[in-house]
Amino acid sequence: MILDYYVQQVEDLIWRLTPSTLQVPESHELTGALKYYAATIFASGLNPERHSANETYRRYLDYVLVRLLSARDERDSNNAYPNANEFASDLLLIHRSLTENKGERLAQLLLDPLLRQVETFGFHLHTLDIRQHARIHSRGRTELADASSVNDQNFNLPEPPSVETEDLLESLRGLKQLKQSFPAEGIRSYVISGAKSAADISTVVWLLELSGVQVAATADGKDPGIMPVPLFESIDALRNCSDICRTVWTSGDYARLLDSWQRRQEVMLGYSDSNKDGGMLTSTWEIFKAHRDLHRVAQECDVQLTLFHGRGGTVGRGGGPTHHAIIAQPVGAFTGRIKITEQGEVMNWKYSDAVLAERNLELVIAASLEALSRPGGVYELDQESEVALENMSQDAFSFYRDKIAENDDVLAYFEEATPVDELEYARIGSRPARRSERRGLDELRAIPWVFGWMQSRHVLPAWFGVGFALERFAKGAKGNWSVLQNLMNRFPLFRDLIDNVELGMAKADLSIARLYASLVPDDSLRERVFALIVEEFDRTKRVVLELTGQRLLLEKNPVLARSIRLRNPYVDPMSLIQVELLRRKRAGEESDDLNYALAATINGIAAGLRNTG
């Protein structure tokens, strides 16, 4: 528990912070604060005389320790710190006194690290984001339109709410109780999946307030409230998100909330679903434009914007080097605050070892400083480049929608040539693969979509449509190839896109994918879809190699190429075993041993490729 840690740190300070007023004075502020605590704080075991009267810092810290222990063990006690800000205020008071009286080095050595920890972790340690789909909220509002409150189960409604709405209300009641029972700072954001309109945000505010949840931050600072965070996921939503946010941020009803949060607002951008919806190139470009437009609108509306990038572990879900992704943000649209999802296998690779964790945090900080310090004009798009990217994105989008998203053959192939329906046996997903019982690409979540293609070694979301769009643009007019080369040299986003496509293709293996394709019983469907995939893979590989000036994928990144080359001989046998197990299962064989073995191959392939979904 974080309070236990703070108790240990204060106990350590008591024995290390030894200045005496016989040698150096303390501030009048500290003297007055000590007198106030001596007159108002009483507790068993508190002995003000255990330190010399001249050891003001130690005496003051004894009272700080009592307040911390009360906050941990007796939250309702008058002695208890009501929040971490008051604890930090006491530490800052000591810091100021030391700094004013020749103790700067002591303040830096002993207090600065603790103050940074209190600022970061408060009394809550971790924060929890609540997340629910806009469709669920909309249905709930419709069913509860006549309700005055939902704090209990006694509804005065013409019809009882649906099971879906009951579950939503139960979650909101639980949210209210959690914020009242634990430090309120622990839950500050409510992510609205599938946000497509201003009404999706206002509906969440209405439901939260109807349920008795404190949405606005309180004036005393004890509760930061809970901020609705729209998650724009589809291509259409990304294109409209700046107009949606402008409508919300200029609303009189929402202004009171913004003001209580010091005009701060968090907005989440979805990499996974936008890729599933529009393909790699269009997803990357539309997120870039949304990022740029949101910052422009935020400045116009006097809003301090923090973008929450919903990146996944694989390049098909926004993965790839975090440093490159930060540098590739729009010029002038980064203010030093960024929020990024780190999930699944990424947590283990980056943070399981303290040295690795420190290294990754250094990379993020270095990228942030570089993005903040680069002069205006550097990496900015000229009109020709902007038009080129827009045209390529439109071509990639049309091609992807026609050949993949709206192609019934592809979904049938995907369900039969990948282990998407068997992922549940691996027990590594936090949610069902589909949002409902209905079939179709829209109902399939993005993670299993990417996971299935990765397991079967197609890795299709990482590259499909990119080759078509780039080749078509290059052949469209004389000089277009020079435009592409200029984008590679001067525009980090484009270079990052090509690097990620190259990485995805390097992890693909169409000879192994062909074995998975053999699981598709319809010969004609199998050959049509696999031929489509091979054609686009070859085209994309050809364009990427020419753009990067290479003969082989990852030729200029020998360390990564060698890593993949060393891992594949261990992954390939697991793929062969998985194909055979899938064949037996789909032939009707059922046993716990079969399911266990299938789960083992799923986990093994994910570990070997260093990618889940």
Foldseek 3Di string as FASTA:
>chain_A
DVLVVVLVLLVVCLVVQFDFVVVWNFDPVLVVVLVVLVVPDDDPPQDLVPDDPRRSVNSLSSLLSVQSVCVVPPVPDPSHDLWLVVSLVSLVSRLVRCVVIVNPVVCVPRRPVVSVCCVVCIQNRAADEAEDELVLLVLLCVQCVPFQAPQDPDTPGPDDRDPSNVVVLVVLNVLQVVCVVGQQRRYAEYEHPPDAALVSQVSVVVNNVRHVFFAAQDPVRRHNHHAYAYEQEALNSLVCVLVRVLVQLPDPVNVRRCVSNVQEYEYEYWQLRHLLRFFQLLSLVSNLVSLVSNQVSCVVSVHHYEYEYEAECAVLGVHDQPLLVLLQHAQPSADLHYHYDQDDLSCVVQPVDPVSVVVSVVSNNVSSVCSVPDDPPAQHDDPVLVVLSVQLSVQLRVVCCVLPQVDPLNQLLLVQLFCLVLLVLLVRDPDDQFCDPDDGSVRGDRQSVQQRCLLQQLSCRLFFSNLVSLVCQPPVDPPSVVSLLCCCVGRSSSVRSLLSSLLSLLSGDVVSSVLSLVRNPDPVSSVVSSVVSVVRSVSRQVVSCVSVVHPHRCPVPVVVSVLLVVLVVVLSVLSVVLSVLSSVVVVPDDDPVSSNSNSVSSVSNCVSSVHGD
